[in-house]
Amino acid sequence: MSDAVSDFFEGLARNGARMLRQISGTVRFDLDGPDGVEHWLAAIDQGRITVGRGGAEDADTVINADRELFLRMARGEVKPVPAWLRNDFTADGDFRLVMVLERLFAPPPGARHPRAAAGRQQPTGGSAA
């Protein structure tokens, strides 16, 4: 049976995470849901990501989150860093890995890359009045 959390982690492992080429470390996600706590481990090695179920006691960073909040982050409905600053989830360990969470999750619905937005043509011409 496929579920949204499994799909997120499988996609993360399959597609890697561009812009993480200079990052290495492990992040354990402890997701609290109705059936208990799920443990997922993401290992980032210079842009290559491997994931697995279960946890590592010695992960560089441990994220404790409600499963529903995690799914909202995975869909891009909630940005991870502001959610962490609001204390919607907790993180222990390497702060730098908390900050790169933004790169692992989907952008907000309708978001565009800044270069695409900047590429819009500005109105030209016109007279100064």
Protein backbone atom coordinates (compact mmCIF):
# COMPACT_ATOMS: atom_id res chain seq x y z
CA MET A 1 0.00 0.00 0.00
CA SER A 2 1.40 3.35 -1.03
CA ASP A 3 1.08 6.28 1.31
CA ALA A 4 2.03 9.92 0.99
CA VAL A 5 4.94 9.78 3.46
CA SER A 6 6.49 6.77 1.70
CA ASP A 7 5.95 8.45 -1.67
CA PHE A 8 7.72 11.59 -0.45
CA PHE A 9 10.79 9.70 0.76
CA GLU A 10 10.93 7.46 -2.32
CA GLY A 11 10.84 10.55 -4.54
CA LEU A 12 13.54 12.20 -2.45
CA ALA A 13 15.84 9.22 -2.88
CA ARG A 14 15.05 8.88 -6.59
CA ASN A 15 15.45 12.52 -7.54
CA GLY A 16 18.07 13.60 -5.04
CA ALA A 17 18.18 17.21 -4.06
CA ARG A 18 19.88 19.66 -6.32
CA MET A 19 21.51 22.55 -4.53
CA LEU A 20 22.67 20.20 -1.75
CA ARG A 21 25.95 19.33 -3.43
CA GLN A 22 27.97 20.87 -0.60
CA ILE A 23 25.97 19.29 2.23
CA SER A 24 26.51 15.99 3.99
CA GLY A 25 24.73 14.70 7.07
CA THR A 26 21.88 12.55 8.35
CA VAL A 27 18.38 13.68 9.29
CA ARG A 28 16.00 11.43 11.19
CA PHE A 29 12.31 12.28 10.92
CA ASP A 30 10.17 11.07 13.82
CA LEU A 31 6.59 11.47 12.60
CA ASP A 32 3.86 11.15 15.20
CA GLY A 33 0.61 9.77 13.80
CA PRO A 34 -2.46 7.81 14.87
CA ASP A 35 -0.57 4.50 14.66
CA GLY A 36 2.42 5.69 16.68
CA VAL A 37 5.73 7.22 15.65
CA GLU A 38 7.23 6.48 12.23
CA HIS A 39 11.00 6.84 11.89
CA TRP A 40 12.63 7.78 8.59
CA LEU A 41 16.31 8.45 8.01
CA ALA A 42 17.60 10.61 5.15
CA ALA A 43 21.34 10.54 4.53
CA ILE A 44 22.64 13.41 2.40
CA ASP A 45 26.08 12.97 0.86
CA GLN A 46 27.17 15.81 -1.42
CA GLY A 47 23.75 15.94 -3.13
CA ARG A 48 23.06 12.20 -3.15
CA ILE A 49 20.24 11.18 -0.85
CA THR A 50 19.44 7.76 0.48
CA VAL A 51 16.43 7.11 2.67
CA GLY A 52 15.22 4.28 4.81
CA ARG A 53 12.65 3.41 7.40
CA GLY A 54 13.77 3.21 10.93
CA GLY A 55 16.09 5.54 12.65
CA ALA A 56 19.66 6.00 13.58
CA GLU A 57 20.41 6.85 17.15
CA ASP A 58 23.34 8.98 16.03
CA ALA A 59 21.64 11.08 13.32
CA ASP A 60 23.10 14.57 12.94
CA THR A 61 19.63 16.13 13.21
CA VAL A 62 16.37 14.74 14.57
CA ILE A 63 13.08 16.29 13.43
CA ASN A 64 10.03 15.58 15.60
CA ALA A 65 6.81 16.45 13.79
CA ASP A 66 3.16 15.58 13.58
CA ARG A 67 2.55 13.38 10.52
CA GLU A 68 -0.12 15.74 9.16
CA LEU A 69 2.20 18.75 9.43
CA PHE A 70 4.90 16.77 7.63
CA LEU A 71 2.46 15.97 4.80
CA ARG A 72 1.51 19.65 4.52
CA MET A 73 5.23 20.50 4.20
CA ALA A 74 5.66 17.76 1.58
CA ARG A 75 2.80 19.26 -0.48
CA GLY A 76 4.28 22.76 -0.19
CA GLU A 77 1.42 24.09 1.93
CA VAL A 78 3.71 24.87 4.88
CA LYS A 79 7.30 26.06 4.64
CA PRO A 80 9.60 24.12 6.99
CA VAL A 81 11.75 26.93 8.42
CA PRO A 82 8.85 29.23 9.40
CA ALA A 83 7.04 26.18 10.85
CA TRP A 84 10.12 25.39 12.93
CA LEU A 85 10.40 29.01 14.08
CA ARG A 86 6.72 28.86 15.16
CA ASN A 87 7.59 25.71 17.09
CA ASP A 88 5.19 23.63 14.97
CA PHE A 89 7.89 20.95 15.03
CA THR A 90 11.10 20.52 16.98
CA ALA A 91 14.62 19.82 15.80
CA ASP A 92 17.66 18.68 17.73
CA GLY A 93 21.18 18.59 16.37
CA ASP A 94 22.88 20.31 13.47
CA PHE A 95 21.11 23.62 12.78
CA ARG A 96 22.49 23.76 9.22
CA LEU A 97 20.49 20.64 8.30
CA VAL A 98 17.30 22.22 9.64
CA MET A 99 17.88 25.18 7.32
CA VAL A 100 18.26 22.98 4.22
CA LEU A 101 14.82 21.42 4.80
CA GLU A 102 13.42 24.14 2.51
CA ARG A 103 15.30 22.49 -0.35
CA LEU A 104 13.92 19.02 0.35
CA PHE A 105 10.24 19.92 0.34
CA ALA A 106 7.97 21.07 -2.46
CA PRO A 107 7.60 24.78 -3.14
CA PRO A 108 4.26 26.42 -2.31
CA PRO A 109 1.51 25.80 -4.87
CA GLY A 110 1.81 28.28 -7.74
CA ALA A 111 5.37 29.26 -6.82
CA ARG A 112 7.77 30.12 -9.60
CA HIS A 113 11.52 30.23 -9.66
CA PRO A 114 12.77 33.83 -9.15
CA ARG A 115 14.59 33.74 -12.49
CA ALA A 116 11.34 32.90 -14.26
CA ALA A 117 9.57 35.77 -12.51
CA ALA A 118 12.43 38.17 -13.32
CA GLY A 119 12.31 37.12 -16.97
CA ARG A 120 8.97 38.82 -17.45
CA GLN A 121 9.26 41.67 -19.87
CA GLN A 122 8.99 45.09 -18.35
CA PRO A 123 6.85 47.65 -20.16
CA THR A 124 9.01 49.71 -22.47
CA GLY A 125 8.67 53.16 -23.85
CA GLY A 126 6.29 55.73 -22.56
CA SER A 127 6.86 59.33 -21.91
CA ALA A 128 7.77 61.10 -18.73
CA ALA A 129 5.00 63.40 -17.66
